[in-house]
Amino acid sequence: MPRHNKGLTFYKRRKKISQAALREIFSWIFGIFAAVFIAVAASWFFGMTTNVVGVSMEPVLYNGQQICVDRFLYILSSPRRGDVVVFLPNGNENSHYYVKRVAGIPGDSIRVQDGVLYVNGLQSEYVTEKILDPGIAENAIVLGSGEYFCIGDNPNSSEDSRSANIGPVREENIIGKAWFRFACEELGMGLIK
């Protein structure tokens, strides 16, 4: 019987990539690039990053820690008690950004008595440390329309609304809400509470 030689067998046929597979690959690549572009554009226009200056927000935020700020949120709503906000004191563009917690909102009565912060006659849940210097809050302060009482979580190392040169923070001077912190040695990345 004669042997049929079909030629060399070590050459294999190349498989071609179908047009449908190529379209699928390029649609995934385009989708990823579009999502990254939208995220970068949204954070550029509606958000910003800044660094915490000082120890006034310890143990939640540390000196030099970088945070993300949502500038868009307060266009739609107003700050609430407990929010960590970023503001320029008295709108001073030459100052660094202050990062503090909102303890009082418009219409609230604020007073520091015997080292305790009282909001509308009730002890504030946001300041648990004894306050050594009541500042201007030694006498009751009634917040007007668009005014907020902002204080550091570490009040004895904080220049905040108790200081005469800062006082109640006007809503138009609030840049936005701090919502995300980047990693540092003491504290990992995560949402700010």
C-alpha atoms as a PDB file:
ATOM      1  CA  MET A   1       0.000   0.000   0.000  1.00  0.00           C
ATOM      2  CA  PRO A   2       1.284   3.333  -0.916  1.00  0.00           C
ATOM      3  CA  ARG A   3       1.742   5.864   1.803  1.00  0.00           C
ATOM      4  CA  HIS A   4       0.039   9.147   1.326  1.00  0.00           C
ATOM      5  CA  ASN A   5       2.203  11.953   2.422  1.00  0.00           C
ATOM      6  CA  LYS A   6       0.172  15.014   3.237  1.00  0.00           C
ATOM      7  CA  GLY A   7       3.200  17.206   3.646  1.00  0.00           C
ATOM      8  CA  LEU A   8       4.920  18.441   6.701  1.00  0.00           C
ATOM      9  CA  THR A   9       2.807  18.143   9.818  1.00  0.00           C
ATOM     10  CA  PHE A  10       4.623  20.481  12.198  1.00  0.00           C
ATOM     11  CA  TYR A  11       2.988  23.519  10.591  1.00  0.00           C
ATOM     12  CA  LYS A  12      -0.389  24.186  12.141  1.00  0.00           C
ATOM     13  CA  ARG A  13      -3.063  26.427  10.787  1.00  0.00           C
ATOM     14  CA  ARG A  14      -3.223  29.778  12.458  1.00  0.00           C
ATOM     15  CA  LYS A  15      -6.495  30.625  14.033  1.00  0.00           C
ATOM     16  CA  LYS A  16      -7.819  33.974  13.018  1.00  0.00           C
ATOM     17  CA  ILE A  17      -9.427  36.316  15.515  1.00  0.00           C
ATOM     18  CA  SER A  18     -12.942  36.997  14.428  1.00  0.00           C
ATOM     19  CA  GLN A  19     -14.266  40.494  13.836  1.00  0.00           C
ATOM     20  CA  ALA A  20     -16.785  40.024  16.643  1.00  0.00           C
ATOM     21  CA  ALA A  21     -14.030  39.206  19.149  1.00  0.00           C
ATOM     22  CA  LEU A  22     -12.033  42.272  18.075  1.00  0.00           C
ATOM     23  CA  ARG A  23     -15.104  44.497  18.472  1.00  0.00           C
ATOM     24  CA  GLU A  24     -15.687  43.069  21.954  1.00  0.00           C
ATOM     25  CA  ILE A  25     -12.073  43.703  23.008  1.00  0.00           C
ATOM     26  CA  PHE A  26     -12.115  47.274  21.689  1.00  0.00           C
ATOM     27  CA  SER A  27     -15.479  47.988  23.327  1.00  0.00           C
ATOM     28  CA  TRP A  28     -14.060  46.879  26.708  1.00  0.00           C
ATOM     29  CA  ILE A  29     -10.944  49.028  26.243  1.00  0.00           C
ATOM     30  CA  PHE A  30     -13.057  52.020  25.215  1.00  0.00           C
ATOM     31  CA  GLY A  31     -15.393  51.503  28.190  1.00  0.00           C
ATOM     32  CA  ILE A  32     -12.495  51.417  30.646  1.00  0.00           C
ATOM     33  CA  PHE A  33     -10.896  54.553  29.192  1.00  0.00           C
ATOM     34  CA  ALA A  34     -14.253  56.362  29.157  1.00  0.00           C
ATOM     35  CA  ALA A  35     -14.902  55.463  32.816  1.00  0.00           C
ATOM     36  CA  VAL A  36     -11.435  56.665  33.864  1.00  0.00           C
ATOM     37  CA  PHE A  37     -11.883  59.901  31.887  1.00  0.00           C
ATOM     38  CA  ILE A  38     -15.299  60.598  33.448  1.00  0.00           C
ATOM     39  CA  ALA A  39     -13.967  59.880  36.956  1.00  0.00           C
ATOM     40  CA  VAL A  40     -10.990  62.200  36.491  1.00  0.00           C
ATOM     41  CA  ALA A  41     -13.154  64.948  34.957  1.00  0.00           C
ATOM     42  CA  ALA A  42     -15.777  64.681  37.722  1.00  0.00           C
ATOM     43  CA  SER A  43     -13.186  64.825  40.488  1.00  0.00           C
ATOM     44  CA  TRP A  44     -11.485  67.777  38.762  1.00  0.00           C
ATOM     45  CA  PHE A  45     -14.687  69.827  38.450  1.00  0.00           C
ATOM     46  CA  PHE A  46     -16.614  68.727  41.565  1.00  0.00           C
ATOM     47  CA  GLY A  47     -13.933  67.622  43.999  1.00  0.00           C
ATOM     48  CA  MET A  48     -10.491  68.480  45.233  1.00  0.00           C
ATOM     49  CA  THR A  49      -7.813  67.189  47.546  1.00  0.00           C
ATOM     50  CA  THR A  50      -6.104  69.011  50.378  1.00  0.00           C
ATOM     51  CA  ASN A  51      -3.876  68.213  53.323  1.00  0.00           C
ATOM     52  CA  VAL A  52      -4.818  68.431  56.984  1.00  0.00           C
ATOM     53  CA  VAL A  53      -2.779  71.114  58.756  1.00  0.00           C
ATOM     54  CA  GLY A  54      -2.183  70.543  62.470  1.00  0.00           C
ATOM     55  CA  VAL A  55      -3.437  68.036  65.022  1.00  0.00           C
ATOM     56  CA  SER A  56      -6.879  69.546  65.616  1.00  0.00           C
ATOM     57  CA  MET A  57      -8.764  66.609  64.056  1.00  0.00           C
ATOM     58  CA  GLU A  58      -6.894  63.752  65.748  1.00  0.00           C
ATOM     59  CA  PRO A  59      -7.657  60.860  66.118  1.00  0.00           C
ATOM     60  CA  VAL A  60      -9.828  60.937  62.957  1.00  0.00           C
ATOM     61  CA  LEU A  61      -7.372  62.868  60.740  1.00  0.00           C
ATOM     62  CA  TYR A  62      -3.650  63.447  61.224  1.00  0.00           C
ATOM     63  CA  ASN A  63      -1.334  66.339  60.380  1.00  0.00           C
ATOM     64  CA  GLY A  64      -0.286  66.160  56.727  1.00  0.00           C
ATOM     65  CA  GLN A  65      -2.852  63.528  55.804  1.00  0.00           C
ATOM     66  CA  GLN A  66      -4.411  64.027  52.372  1.00  0.00           C
ATOM     67  CA  ILE A  67      -8.212  64.094  52.092  1.00  0.00           C
ATOM     68  CA  CYS A  68     -10.732  64.305  49.253  1.00  0.00           C
ATOM     69  CA  VAL A  69     -13.300  67.094  49.412  1.00  0.00           C
ATOM     70  CA  ASP A  70     -16.740  66.966  47.772  1.00  0.00           C
ATOM     71  CA  ARG A  71     -17.368  70.527  46.512  1.00  0.00           C
ATOM     72  CA  PHE A  72     -20.636  69.635  44.788  1.00  0.00           C
ATOM     73  CA  LEU A  73     -22.655  68.328  47.776  1.00  0.00           C
ATOM     74  CA  TYR A  74     -23.233  71.704  49.411  1.00  0.00           C
ATOM     75  CA  ILE A  75     -24.557  73.186  46.176  1.00  0.00           C
ATOM     76  CA  LEU A  76     -27.517  70.822  46.575  1.00  0.00           C
ATOM     77  CA  SER A  77     -27.789  70.806  50.385  1.00  0.00           C
ATOM     78  CA  SER A  78     -26.433  72.490  53.499  1.00  0.00           C
ATOM     79  CA  PRO A  79     -23.891  71.156  55.992  1.00  0.00           C
ATOM     80  CA  ARG A  80     -25.289  69.047  58.829  1.00  0.00           C
ATOM     81  CA  ARG A  81     -24.141  68.474  62.394  1.00  0.00           C
ATOM     82  CA  GLY A  82     -21.314  65.966  62.423  1.00  0.00           C
ATOM     83  CA  ASP A  83     -20.067  66.730  58.891  1.00  0.00           C
ATOM     84  CA  VAL A  84     -16.319  67.260  58.557  1.00  0.00           C
ATOM     85  CA  VAL A  85     -16.018  70.380  56.407  1.00  0.00           C
ATOM     86  CA  VAL A  86     -13.215  72.264  54.711  1.00  0.00           C
ATOM     87  CA  PHE A  87     -13.406  76.056  54.818  1.00  0.00           C
ATOM     88  CA  LEU A  88     -11.439  79.258  54.472  1.00  0.00           C
ATOM     89  CA  PRO A  89     -11.723  81.321  57.679  1.00  0.00           C
ATOM     90  CA  ASN A  90     -13.598  84.545  56.893  1.00  0.00           C
ATOM     91  CA  GLY A  91     -13.149  83.757  53.190  1.00  0.00           C
ATOM     92  CA  ASN A  92      -9.418  84.564  53.382  1.00  0.00           C
ATOM     93  CA  GLU A  93      -7.991  83.210  50.106  1.00  0.00           C
ATOM     94  CA  ASN A  94      -4.429  83.551  51.488  1.00  0.00           C
ATOM     95  CA  SER A  95      -5.097  81.164  54.387  1.00  0.00           C
ATOM     96  CA  HIS A  96      -4.693  77.388  54.368  1.00  0.00           C
ATOM     97  CA  TYR A  97      -7.841  75.262  54.327  1.00  0.00           C
ATOM     98  CA  TYR A  98      -9.253  74.520  57.775  1.00  0.00           C
ATOM     99  CA  VAL A  99     -10.702  71.053  58.387  1.00  0.00           C
ATOM    100  CA  LYS A 100     -13.220  70.929  61.274  1.00  0.00           C
ATOM    101  CA  ARG A 101     -16.428  69.212  62.370  1.00  0.00           C
ATOM    102  CA  VAL A 102     -19.767  71.020  62.278  1.00  0.00           C
ATOM    103  CA  ALA A 103     -21.193  71.093  65.822  1.00  0.00           C
ATOM    104  CA  GLY A 104     -23.855  73.773  65.326  1.00  0.00           C
ATOM    105  CA  ILE A 105     -26.098  74.781  62.417  1.00  0.00           C
ATOM    106  CA  PRO A 106     -28.138  77.959  61.778  1.00  0.00           C
ATOM    107  CA  GLY A 107     -30.512  78.735  64.643  1.00  0.00           C
ATOM    108  CA  ASP A 108     -28.559  76.709  67.229  1.00  0.00           C
ATOM    109  CA  SER A 109     -27.473  78.172  70.558  1.00  0.00           C
ATOM    110  CA  ILE A 110     -23.856  77.274  71.376  1.00  0.00           C
ATOM    111  CA  ARG A 111     -22.107  77.558  74.723  1.00  0.00           C
ATOM    112  CA  VAL A 112     -19.050  76.052  76.403  1.00  0.00           C
ATOM    113  CA  GLN A 113     -19.597  75.732  80.129  1.00  0.00           C
ATOM    114  CA  ASP A 114     -17.372  73.861  82.602  1.00  0.00           C
ATOM    115  CA  GLY A 115     -15.397  72.389  79.694  1.00  0.00           C
ATOM    116  CA  VAL A 116     -18.460  70.937  77.956  1.00  0.00           C
ATOM    117  CA  LEU A 117     -19.884  72.065  74.592  1.00  0.00           C
ATOM    118  CA  TYR A 118     -23.644  72.557  74.749  1.00  0.00           C
ATOM    119  CA  VAL A 119     -25.794  72.831  71.627  1.00  0.00           C
ATOM    120  CA  ASN A 120     -29.333  74.062  72.352  1.00  0.00           C
ATOM    121  CA  GLY A 121     -28.785  73.222  76.027  1.00  0.00           C
ATOM    122  CA  LEU A 122     -27.763  69.604  75.349  1.00  0.00           C
ATOM    123  CA  GLN A 123     -24.241  68.213  75.534  1.00  0.00           C
ATOM    124  CA  SER A 124     -22.732  67.862  72.047  1.00  0.00           C
ATOM    125  CA  GLU A 125     -22.072  64.297  70.956  1.00  0.00           C
ATOM    126  CA  TYR A 126     -19.242  65.415  68.679  1.00  0.00           C
ATOM    127  CA  VAL A 127     -16.907  66.829  71.335  1.00  0.00           C
ATOM    128  CA  THR A 128     -16.180  64.380  74.128  1.00  0.00           C
ATOM    129  CA  GLU A 129     -12.925  65.869  75.424  1.00  0.00           C
ATOM    130  CA  LYS A 130     -13.009  68.527  78.151  1.00  0.00           C
ATOM    131  CA  ILE A 131     -12.532  71.961  76.557  1.00  0.00           C
ATOM    132  CA  LEU A 132      -9.984  74.042  78.446  1.00  0.00           C
ATOM    133  CA  ASP A 133     -10.529  77.328  76.550  1.00  0.00           C
ATOM    134  CA  PRO A 134     -14.159  78.230  75.774  1.00  0.00           C
ATOM    135  CA  GLY A 135     -13.118  81.309  73.762  1.00  0.00           C
ATOM    136  CA  ILE A 136     -16.051  83.365  72.493  1.00  0.00           C
ATOM    137  CA  ALA A 137     -18.390  80.462  73.300  1.00  0.00           C
ATOM    138  CA  GLU A 138     -18.049  81.229  77.011  1.00  0.00           C
ATOM    139  CA  ASN A 139     -21.249  83.222  76.541  1.00  0.00           C
ATOM    140  CA  ALA A 140     -24.089  81.776  74.482  1.00  0.00           C
ATOM    141  CA  ILE A 141     -23.788  82.284  70.722  1.00  0.00           C
ATOM    142  CA  VAL A 142     -26.930  82.048  68.599  1.00  0.00           C
ATOM    143  CA  LEU A 143     -26.003  81.120  65.038  1.00  0.00           C
ATOM    144  CA  GLY A 144     -27.596  83.289  62.382  1.00  0.00           C
ATOM    145  CA  SER A 145     -28.770  82.282  58.928  1.00  0.00           C
ATOM    146  CA  GLY A 146     -25.943  80.626  57.002  1.00  0.00           C
ATOM    147  CA  GLU A 147     -23.647  80.380  60.057  1.00  0.00           C
ATOM    148  CA  TYR A 148     -22.045  77.185  61.371  1.00  0.00           C
ATOM    149  CA  PHE A 149     -20.101  76.443  64.551  1.00  0.00           C
ATOM    150  CA  CYS A 150     -17.100  74.315  63.556  1.00  0.00           C
ATOM    151  CA  ILE A 151     -14.730  72.738  66.053  1.00  0.00           C
ATOM    152  CA  GLY A 152     -11.837  70.273  65.953  1.00  0.00           C
ATOM    153  CA  ASP A 153     -12.177  66.743  67.318  1.00  0.00           C
ATOM    154  CA  ASN A 154      -9.115  67.578  69.426  1.00  0.00           C
ATOM    155  CA  PRO A 155     -10.485  70.909  70.743  1.00  0.00           C
ATOM    156  CA  ASN A 156      -7.575  71.817  73.010  1.00  0.00           C
ATOM    157  CA  SER A 157      -5.239  71.911  69.995  1.00  0.00           C
ATOM    158  CA  SER A 158      -7.677  73.569  67.618  1.00  0.00           C
ATOM    159  CA  GLU A 159      -8.198  77.057  66.268  1.00  0.00           C
ATOM    160  CA  ASP A 160     -11.874  77.008  65.361  1.00  0.00           C
ATOM    161  CA  SER A 161     -15.202  78.848  65.813  1.00  0.00           C
ATOM    162  CA  ARG A 162     -14.322  79.530  69.463  1.00  0.00           C
ATOM    163  CA  SER A 163     -11.504  81.820  68.294  1.00  0.00           C
ATOM    164  CA  ALA A 164     -12.472  85.487  67.890  1.00  0.00           C
ATOM    165  CA  ASN A 165     -10.548  85.752  64.616  1.00  0.00           C
ATOM    166  CA  ILE A 166     -12.586  82.898  63.070  1.00  0.00           C
ATOM    167  CA  GLY A 167     -15.962  82.848  64.836  1.00  0.00           C
ATOM    168  CA  PRO A 168     -18.979  81.182  63.255  1.00  0.00           C
ATOM    169  CA  VAL A 169     -18.200  80.010  59.711  1.00  0.00           C
ATOM    170  CA  ARG A 170     -20.321  81.480  56.917  1.00  0.00           C
ATOM    171  CA  GLU A 171     -21.792  78.946  54.494  1.00  0.00           C
ATOM    172  CA  GLU A 172     -20.256  80.723  51.495  1.00  0.00           C
ATOM    173  CA  ASN A 173     -16.784  80.156  53.010  1.00  0.00           C
ATOM    174  CA  ILE A 174     -17.290  76.383  53.241  1.00  0.00           C
ATOM    175  CA  ILE A 175     -15.505  74.710  50.329  1.00  0.00           C
ATOM    176  CA  GLY A 176     -17.049  71.272  50.772  1.00  0.00           C
ATOM    177  CA  LYS A 177     -17.360  68.115  52.801  1.00  0.00           C
ATOM    178  CA  ALA A 178     -14.321  65.959  53.529  1.00  0.00           C
ATOM    179  CA  TRP A 179     -15.366  62.436  52.636  1.00  0.00           C
ATOM    180  CA  PHE A 180     -12.273  60.281  52.020  1.00  0.00           C
ATOM    181  CA  ARG A 181      -8.856  60.061  53.669  1.00  0.00           C
ATOM    182  CA  PHE A 182      -5.730  58.628  52.098  1.00  0.00           C
ATOM    183  CA  ALA A 183      -3.496  56.199  53.964  1.00  0.00           C
ATOM    184  CA  CYS A 184      -1.012  57.259  56.564  1.00  0.00           C
ATOM    185  CA  GLU A 185       0.936  55.221  59.106  1.00  0.00           C
ATOM    186  CA  GLU A 186      -1.535  55.723  61.943  1.00  0.00           C
ATOM    187  CA  LEU A 187      -4.753  55.354  59.961  1.00  0.00           C
ATOM    188  CA  GLY A 188      -5.599  53.561  56.745  1.00  0.00           C
ATOM    189  CA  MET A 189      -7.592  54.758  53.782  1.00  0.00           C
ATOM    190  CA  GLY A 190     -11.322  55.109  54.080  1.00  0.00           C
ATOM    191  CA  LEU A 191     -14.411  57.208  54.414  1.00  0.00           C
ATOM    192  CA  ILE A 192     -14.451  59.951  57.017  1.00  0.00           C
ATOM    193  CA  LYS A 193     -17.053  59.566  59.751  1.00  0.00           C
END
